[in-house]
PDB file of N, CA and C in Angstrom:
ATOM      1  N   UNK A   1       0.856  -1.181   0.000  1.00  0.00           N
ATOM      2  CA  UNK A   1       0.000   0.000   0.000  1.00  0.00           C
ATOM      3  C   UNK A   1       0.899   1.240   0.000  1.00  0.00           C
ATOM      4  N   UNK A   2       0.591   2.196  -0.849  1.00  0.00           N
ATOM      5  CA  UNK A   2       1.390   3.414  -0.894  1.00  0.00           C
ATOM      6  C   UNK A   2       0.926   4.393   0.188  1.00  0.00           C
ATOM      7  N   UNK A   3       1.732   5.422   0.418  1.00  0.00           N
ATOM      8  CA  UNK A   3       1.444   6.385   1.483  1.00  0.00           C
ATOM      9  C   UNK A   3       0.110   7.093   1.298  1.00  0.00           C
ATOM     10  N   UNK A   4      -0.196   7.491   0.066  1.00  0.00           N
ATOM     11  CA  UNK A   4      -1.447   8.219  -0.169  1.00  0.00           C
ATOM     12  C   UNK A   4      -2.654   7.332   0.137  1.00  0.00           C
ATOM     13  N   UNK A   5      -2.588   6.070  -0.257  1.00  0.00           N
ATOM     14  CA  UNK A   5      -3.686   5.144   0.044  1.00  0.00           C
ATOM     15  C   UNK A   5      -3.830   4.955   1.546  1.00  0.00           C
ATOM     16  N   UNK A   6      -2.707   4.850   2.227  1.00  0.00           N
ATOM     17  CA  UNK A   6      -2.735   4.679   3.679  1.00  0.00           C
ATOM     18  C   UNK A   6      -3.354   5.899   4.357  1.00  0.00           C
ATOM     19  N   UNK A   7      -2.966   7.089   3.934  1.00  0.00           N
ATOM     20  CA  UNK A   7      -3.524   8.318   4.511  1.00  0.00           C
ATOM     21  C   UNK A   7      -5.017   8.397   4.237  1.00  0.00           C
ATOM     22  N   UNK A   8      -5.435   8.065   3.021  1.00  0.00           N
ATOM     23  CA  UNK A   8      -6.864   8.089   2.688  1.00  0.00           C
ATOM     24  C   UNK A   8      -7.629   7.082   3.539  1.00  0.00           C
ATOM     25  N   UNK A   9      -7.029   5.923   3.758  1.00  0.00           N
ATOM     26  CA  UNK A   9      -7.672   4.919   4.615  1.00  0.00           C
ATOM     27  C   UNK A   9      -7.811   5.454   6.040  1.00  0.00           C
ATOM     28  N   UNK A  10      -6.772   6.096   6.558  1.00  0.00           N
ATOM     29  CA  UNK A  10      -6.825   6.675   7.902  1.00  0.00           C
ATOM     30  C   UNK A  10      -7.911   7.735   8.005  1.00  0.00           C
ATOM     31  N   UNK A  11      -8.048   8.558   6.976  1.00  0.00           N
ATOM     32  CA  UNK A  11      -9.041   9.627   6.997  1.00  0.00           C
ATOM     33  C   UNK A  11     -10.456   9.072   7.099  1.00  0.00           C
ATOM     34  N   UNK A  12     -10.676   7.866   6.597  1.00  0.00           N
ATOM     35  CA  UNK A  12     -12.000   7.261   6.631  1.00  0.00           C
ATOM     36  C   UNK A  12     -12.305   6.505   7.914  1.00  0.00           C
ATOM     37  N   UNK A  13     -11.324   6.364   8.785  1.00  0.00           N
ATOM     38  CA  UNK A  13     -11.518   5.610  10.025  1.00  0.00           C
ATOM     39  C   UNK A  13     -11.941   6.538  11.165  1.00  0.00           C
ATOM     40  N   UNK A  14     -12.683   5.962  12.089  1.00  0.00           N
ATOM     41  CA  UNK A  14     -13.072   6.709  13.288  1.00  0.00           C
ATOM     42  C   UNK A  14     -11.865   6.815  14.225  1.00  0.00           C
ATOM     43  N   UNK A  15     -11.977   7.684  15.210  1.00  0.00           N
ATOM     44  CA  UNK A  15     -10.904   7.823  16.198  1.00  0.00           C
ATOM     45  C   UNK A  15     -10.671   6.504  16.926  1.00  0.00           C
ATOM     46  N   UNK A  16     -11.752   5.794  17.218  1.00  0.00           N
ATOM     47  CA  UNK A  16     -11.633   4.504  17.897  1.00  0.00           C
ATOM     48  C   UNK A  16     -10.873   3.501  17.032  1.00  0.00           C
ATOM     49  N   UNK A  17     -11.181   3.470  15.734  1.00  0.00           N
ATOM     50  CA  UNK A  17     -10.488   2.552  14.825  1.00  0.00           C
ATOM     51  C   UNK A  17      -9.004   2.901  14.716  1.00  0.00           C
ATOM     52  N   UNK A  18      -8.704   4.181  14.659  1.00  0.00           N
ATOM     53  CA  UNK A  18      -7.300   4.595  14.590  1.00  0.00           C
ATOM     54  C   UNK A  18      -6.562   4.280  15.888  1.00  0.00           C
ATOM     55  N   UNK A  19      -7.233   4.430  17.020  1.00  0.00           N
ATOM     56  CA  UNK A  19      -6.612   4.089  18.302  1.00  0.00           C
ATOM     57  C   UNK A  19      -6.296   2.596  18.354  1.00  0.00           C
ATOM     58  N   UNK A  20      -7.195   1.771  17.851  1.00  0.00           N
ATOM     59  CA  UNK A  20      -6.961   0.324  17.809  1.00  0.00           C
ATOM     60  C   UNK A  20      -5.811   0.000  16.858  1.00  0.00           C
ATOM     61  N   UNK A  21      -5.783   0.642  15.707  1.00  0.00           N
ATOM     62  CA  UNK A  21      -4.697   0.461  14.746  1.00  0.00           C
ATOM     63  C   UNK A  21      -3.359   0.815  15.402  1.00  0.00           C
ATOM     64  N   UNK A  22      -3.323   1.965  16.061  1.00  0.00           N
ATOM     65  CA  UNK A  22      -2.097   2.403  16.730  1.00  0.00           C
ATOM     66  C   UNK A  22      -1.664   1.388  17.788  1.00  0.00           C
ATOM     67  N   UNK A  23      -2.616   0.903  18.552  1.00  0.00           N
ATOM     68  CA  UNK A  23      -2.304  -0.081  19.599  1.00  0.00           C
ATOM     69  C   UNK A  23      -1.747  -1.362  18.993  1.00  0.00           C
ATOM     70  N   UNK A  24      -2.360  -1.836  17.903  1.00  0.00           N
ATOM     71  CA  UNK A  24      -1.910  -3.069  17.250  1.00  0.00           C
ATOM     72  C   UNK A  24      -0.482  -2.957  16.730  1.00  0.00           C
ATOM     73  N   UNK A  25      -0.095  -1.757  16.313  1.00  0.00           N
ATOM     74  CA  UNK A  25       1.251  -1.536  15.785  1.00  0.00           C
ATOM     75  C   UNK A  25       2.187  -0.916  16.819  1.00  0.00           C
ATOM     76  N   UNK A  26       1.757  -0.953  18.077  1.00  0.00           N
ATOM     77  CA  UNK A  26       2.565  -0.455  19.198  1.00  0.00           C
ATOM     78  C   UNK A  26       2.994   1.003  19.005  1.00  0.00           C
ATOM     79  N   UNK A  27       2.042   1.802  18.517  1.00  0.00           N
ATOM     80  CA  UNK A  27       2.247   3.242  18.384  1.00  0.00           C
ATOM     81  C   UNK A  27       1.525   3.885  19.562  1.00  0.00           C
ATOM     82  N   UNK A  28       2.260   4.502  20.478  1.00  0.00           N
ATOM     83  CA  UNK A  28       1.656   4.994  21.720  1.00  0.00           C
ATOM     84  C   UNK A  28       0.879   6.304  21.547  1.00  0.00           C
ATOM     85  N   UNK A  29      -0.303   6.203  20.947  1.00  0.00           N
ATOM     86  CA  UNK A  29      -1.162   7.376  20.776  1.00  0.00           C
ATOM     87  C   UNK A  29      -2.523   7.113  21.401  1.00  0.00           C
ATOM     88  N   UNK A  30      -2.968   8.042  22.209  1.00  0.00           N
ATOM     89  CA  UNK A  30      -4.299   7.936  22.802  1.00  0.00           C
ATOM     90  C   UNK A  30      -5.339   8.440  21.805  1.00  0.00           C
ATOM     91  N   UNK A  31      -6.595   8.150  22.096  1.00  0.00           N
ATOM     92  CA  UNK A  31      -7.675   8.640  21.234  1.00  0.00           C
ATOM     93  C   UNK A  31      -7.684  10.170  21.220  1.00  0.00           C
ATOM     94  N   UNK A  32      -7.412  10.777  22.349  1.00  0.00           N
ATOM     95  CA  UNK A  32      -7.374  12.243  22.430  1.00  0.00           C
ATOM     96  C   UNK A  32      -6.255  12.806  21.544  1.00  0.00           C
ATOM     97  N   UNK A  33      -5.091  12.166  21.559  1.00  0.00           N
ATOM     98  CA  UNK A  33      -3.983  12.611  20.709  1.00  0.00           C
ATOM     99  C   UNK A  33      -4.321  12.423  19.231  1.00  0.00           C
ATOM    100  N   UNK A  34      -4.980  11.329  18.919  1.00  0.00           N
ATOM    101  CA  UNK A  34      -5.400  11.080  17.538  1.00  0.00           C
ATOM    102  C   UNK A  34      -6.345  12.181  17.073  1.00  0.00           C
ATOM    103  N   UNK A  35      -7.250  12.587  17.937  1.00  0.00           N
ATOM    104  CA  UNK A  35      -8.183  13.666  17.588  1.00  0.00           C
ATOM    105  C   UNK A  35      -7.429  14.963  17.301  1.00  0.00           C
ATOM    106  N   UNK A  36      -6.376  15.217  18.051  1.00  0.00           N
ATOM    107  CA  UNK A  36      -5.583  16.428  17.835  1.00  0.00           C
ATOM    108  C   UNK A  36      -4.772  16.352  16.542  1.00  0.00           C
ATOM    109  N   UNK A  37      -4.348  15.150  16.169  1.00  0.00           N
ATOM    110  CA  UNK A  37      -3.540  14.970  14.960  1.00  0.00           C
ATOM    111  C   UNK A  37      -4.383  14.884  13.688  1.00  0.00           C
ATOM    112  N   UNK A  38      -5.647  14.542  13.825  1.00  0.00           N
ATOM    113  CA  UNK A  38      -6.507  14.310  12.656  1.00  0.00           C
ATOM    114  C   UNK A  38      -6.483  15.452  11.636  1.00  0.00           C
ATOM    115  N   UNK A  39      -6.546  16.723  12.043  1.00  0.00           N
ATOM    116  CA  UNK A  39      -6.526  17.795  11.034  1.00  0.00           C
ATOM    117  C   UNK A  39      -5.265  17.790  10.160  1.00  0.00           C
ATOM    118  N   UNK A  40      -4.166  17.268  10.686  1.00  0.00           N
ATOM    119  CA  UNK A  40      -2.925  17.227   9.914  1.00  0.00           C
ATOM    120  C   UNK A  40      -2.983  16.198   8.791  1.00  0.00           C
ATOM    121  N   UNK A  41      -3.855  15.200   8.929  1.00  0.00           N
ATOM    122  CA  UNK A  41      -3.982  14.195   7.869  1.00  0.00           C
ATOM    123  C   UNK A  41      -4.381  14.826   6.542  1.00  0.00           C
ATOM    124  N   UNK A  42      -5.253  15.811   6.602  1.00  0.00           N
ATOM    125  CA  UNK A  42      -5.736  16.422   5.364  1.00  0.00           C
ATOM    126  C   UNK A  42      -4.655  17.245   4.669  1.00  0.00           C
ATOM    127  N   UNK A  43      -3.618  17.628   5.399  1.00  0.00           N
ATOM    128  CA  UNK A  43      -2.556  18.417   4.776  1.00  0.00           C
ATOM    129  C   UNK A  43      -1.378  17.558   4.322  1.00  0.00           C
ATOM    130  N   UNK A  44      -1.464  16.230   4.513  1.00  0.00           N
ATOM    131  CA  UNK A  44      -0.371  15.333   4.134  1.00  0.00           C
ATOM    132  C   UNK A  44      -0.046  15.475   2.658  1.00  0.00           C
ATOM    133  N   UNK A  45       1.232  15.473   2.350  1.00  0.00           N
ATOM    134  CA  UNK A  45       1.703  15.544   0.971  1.00  0.00           C
ATOM    135  C   UNK A  45       2.776  14.484   0.762  1.00  0.00           C
ATOM    136  N   UNK A  46       2.780  13.868  -0.398  1.00  0.00           N
ATOM    137  CA  UNK A  46       3.803  12.872  -0.717  1.00  0.00           C
ATOM    138  C   UNK A  46       5.195  13.508  -0.661  1.00  0.00           C
ATOM    139  N   UNK A  47       5.265  14.819  -0.804  1.00  0.00           N
ATOM    140  CA  UNK A  47       6.550  15.517  -0.695  1.00  0.00           C
ATOM    141  C   UNK A  47       7.176  15.308   0.676  1.00  0.00           C
ATOM    142  N   UNK A  48       6.344  15.105   1.698  1.00  0.00           N
ATOM    143  CA  UNK A  48       6.867  14.876   3.040  1.00  0.00           C
ATOM    144  C   UNK A  48       7.730  13.625   3.068  1.00  0.00           C
ATOM    145  N   UNK A  49       7.339  12.619   2.290  1.00  0.00           N
ATOM    146  CA  UNK A  49       8.090  11.365   2.240  1.00  0.00           C
ATOM    147  C   UNK A  49       9.450  11.617   1.593  1.00  0.00           C
ATOM    148  N   UNK A  50       9.451  12.439   0.567  1.00  0.00           N
ATOM    149  CA  UNK A  50      10.670  12.682  -0.196  1.00  0.00           C
ATOM    150  C   UNK A  50      11.581  13.731   0.432  1.00  0.00           C
ATOM    151  N   UNK A  51      10.993  14.771   1.013  1.00  0.00           N
ATOM    152  CA  UNK A  51      11.783  15.912   1.478  1.00  0.00           C
ATOM    153  C   UNK A  51      11.727  16.140   2.986  1.00  0.00           C
ATOM    154  N   UNK A  52      10.945  15.363   3.682  1.00  0.00           N
ATOM    155  CA  UNK A  52      10.808  15.542   5.123  1.00  0.00           C
ATOM    156  C   UNK A  52       9.560  16.334   5.477  1.00  0.00           C
ATOM    157  N   UNK A  53       9.166  16.212   6.708  1.00  0.00           N
ATOM    158  CA  UNK A  53       7.972  16.899   7.197  1.00  0.00           C
ATOM    159  C   UNK A  53       8.314  18.377   7.397  1.00  0.00           C
ATOM    160  N   UNK A  54       7.485  19.286   6.864  1.00  0.00           N
ATOM    161  CA  UNK A  54       7.760  20.721   7.025  1.00  0.00           C
ATOM    162  C   UNK A  54       7.831  21.131   8.503  1.00  0.00           C
ATOM    163  N   UNK A  55       8.651  22.139   8.780  1.00  0.00           N
ATOM    164  CA  UNK A  55       8.847  22.605  10.156  1.00  0.00           C
ATOM    165  C   UNK A  55       7.537  22.999  10.832  1.00  0.00           C
ATOM    166  N   UNK A  56       6.660  23.691  10.122  1.00  0.00           N
ATOM    167  CA  UNK A  56       5.386  24.114  10.719  1.00  0.00           C
ATOM    168  C   UNK A  56       4.546  22.904  11.119  1.00  0.00           C
ATOM    169  N   UNK A  57       4.538  21.884  10.290  1.00  0.00           N
ATOM    170  CA  UNK A  57       3.779  20.670  10.607  1.00  0.00           C
ATOM    171  C   UNK A  57       4.398  19.985  11.823  1.00  0.00           C
ATOM    172  N   UNK A  58       5.728  19.960  11.895  1.00  0.00           N
ATOM    173  CA  UNK A  58       6.394  19.371  13.062  1.00  0.00           C
ATOM    174  C   UNK A  58       6.005  20.124  14.331  1.00  0.00           C
ATOM    175  N   UNK A  59       5.934  21.436  14.247  1.00  0.00           N
ATOM    176  CA  UNK A  59       5.518  22.221  15.422  1.00  0.00           C
ATOM    177  C   UNK A  59       4.073  21.899  15.801  1.00  0.00           C
ATOM    178  N   UNK A  60       3.222  21.716  14.796  1.00  0.00           N
ATOM    179  CA  UNK A  60       1.823  21.361  15.065  1.00  0.00           C
ATOM    180  C   UNK A  60       1.721  19.983  15.717  1.00  0.00           C
ATOM    181  N   UNK A  61       2.539  19.049  15.260  1.00  0.00           N
ATOM    182  CA  UNK A  61       2.556  17.710  15.860  1.00  0.00           C
ATOM    183  C   UNK A  61       3.029  17.809  17.310  1.00  0.00           C
ATOM    184  N   UNK A  62       4.083  18.577  17.538  1.00  0.00           N
ATOM    185  CA  UNK A  62       4.598  18.754  18.901  1.00  0.00           C
ATOM    186  C   UNK A  62       3.555  19.384  19.816  1.00  0.00           C
ATOM    187  N   UNK A  63       2.783  20.320  19.298  1.00  0.00           N
ATOM    188  CA  UNK A  63       1.707  20.926  20.094  1.00  0.00           C
ATOM    189  C   UNK A  63       0.648  19.889  20.445  1.00  0.00           C
ATOM    190  N   UNK A  64       0.370  18.991  19.508  1.00  0.00           N
ATOM    191  CA  UNK A  64      -0.692  18.003  19.701  1.00  0.00           C
ATOM    192  C   UNK A  64      -0.297  16.903  20.677  1.00  0.00           C
ATOM    193  N   UNK A  65       0.931  16.398  20.561  1.00  0.00           N
ATOM    194  CA  UNK A  65       1.294  15.234  21.375  1.00  0.00           C
ATOM    195  C   UNK A  65       2.517  15.458  22.257  1.00  0.00           C
ATOM    196  N   UNK A  66       3.114  16.631  22.187  1.00  0.00           N
ATOM    197  CA  UNK A  66       4.273  16.941  23.017  1.00  0.00           C
ATOM    198  C   UNK A  66       5.589  16.663  22.298  1.00  0.00           C
ATOM    199  N   UNK A  67       6.611  17.408  22.704  1.00  0.00           N
ATOM    200  CA  UNK A  67       7.922  17.292  22.053  1.00  0.00           C
ATOM    201  C   UNK A  67       8.552  15.918  22.258  1.00  0.00           C
ATOM    202  N   UNK A  68       8.469  15.405  23.476  1.00  0.00           N
ATOM    203  CA  UNK A  68       9.127  14.132  23.762  1.00  0.00           C
ATOM    204  C   UNK A  68       8.493  12.987  22.981  1.00  0.00           C
ATOM    205  N   UNK A  69       7.166  12.928  22.960  1.00  0.00           N
ATOM    206  CA  UNK A  69       6.496  11.846  22.238  1.00  0.00           C
ATOM    207  C   UNK A  69       6.756  11.967  20.737  1.00  0.00           C
ATOM    208  N   UNK A  70       6.775  13.196  20.221  1.00  0.00           N
ATOM    209  CA  UNK A  70       7.091  13.410  18.807  1.00  0.00           C
ATOM    210  C   UNK A  70       8.490  12.889  18.503  1.00  0.00           C
ATOM    211  N   UNK A  71       9.453  13.254  19.342  1.00  0.00           N
ATOM    212  CA  UNK A  71      10.835  12.800  19.148  1.00  0.00           C
ATOM    213  C   UNK A  71      10.928  11.279  19.225  1.00  0.00           C
ATOM    214  N   UNK A  72      10.230  10.687  20.187  1.00  0.00           N
ATOM    215  CA  UNK A  72      10.249   9.230  20.338  1.00  0.00           C
ATOM    216  C   UNK A  72       9.670   8.534  19.110  1.00  0.00           C
ATOM    217  N   UNK A  73       8.549   9.054  18.601  1.00  0.00           N
ATOM    218  CA  UNK A  73       7.924   8.441  17.424  1.00  0.00           C
ATOM    219  C   UNK A  73       8.798   8.592  16.185  1.00  0.00           C
ATOM    220  N   UNK A  74       9.422   9.750  16.029  1.00  0.00           N
ATOM    221  CA  UNK A  74      10.311   9.944  14.879  1.00  0.00           C
ATOM    222  C   UNK A  74      11.520   9.027  14.961  1.00  0.00           C
ATOM    223  N   UNK A  75      12.016   8.830  16.169  1.00  0.00           N
ATOM    224  CA  UNK A  75      13.145   7.917  16.350  1.00  0.00           C
ATOM    225  C   UNK A  75      12.729   6.485  16.006  1.00  0.00           C
ATOM    226  N   UNK A  76      11.533   6.112  16.438  1.00  0.00           N
ATOM    227  CA  UNK A  76      11.035   4.757  16.215  1.00  0.00           C
ATOM    228  C   UNK A  76      10.680   4.504  14.749  1.00  0.00           C
ATOM    229  N   UNK A  77      10.042   5.478  14.104  1.00  0.00           N
ATOM    230  CA  UNK A  77       9.512   5.252  12.759  1.00  0.00           C
ATOM    231  C   UNK A  77      10.242   6.038  11.683  1.00  0.00           C
ATOM    232  N   UNK A  78      11.263   6.779  12.055  1.00  0.00           N
ATOM    233  CA  UNK A  78      12.060   7.507  11.073  1.00  0.00           C
ATOM    234  C   UNK A  78      11.461   8.830  10.691  1.00  0.00           C
ATOM    235  N   UNK A  79      12.313   9.674  10.177  1.00  0.00           N
ATOM    236  CA  UNK A  79      11.871  10.994   9.712  1.00  0.00           C
ATOM    237  C   UNK A  79      12.260  11.162   8.284  1.00  0.00           C
TER     238      UNK A  79
END
């Protein structure tokens, strides 16, 4: 599955479904954090895969889930 298909699939899932998905893949995100991150899904661009996540988006992620958790997730799943 390519990134765009995955993002589109995520956009169609409820917060509960995404929380279960995160739990199954050992991604430490609560339903509340998922709700805060959801608006960023609509701004996803394939360019992020090629060139990295824009600084403003990184700041938005840090606001949503905190700097430490953002750093931990990037370390775990790459940037």
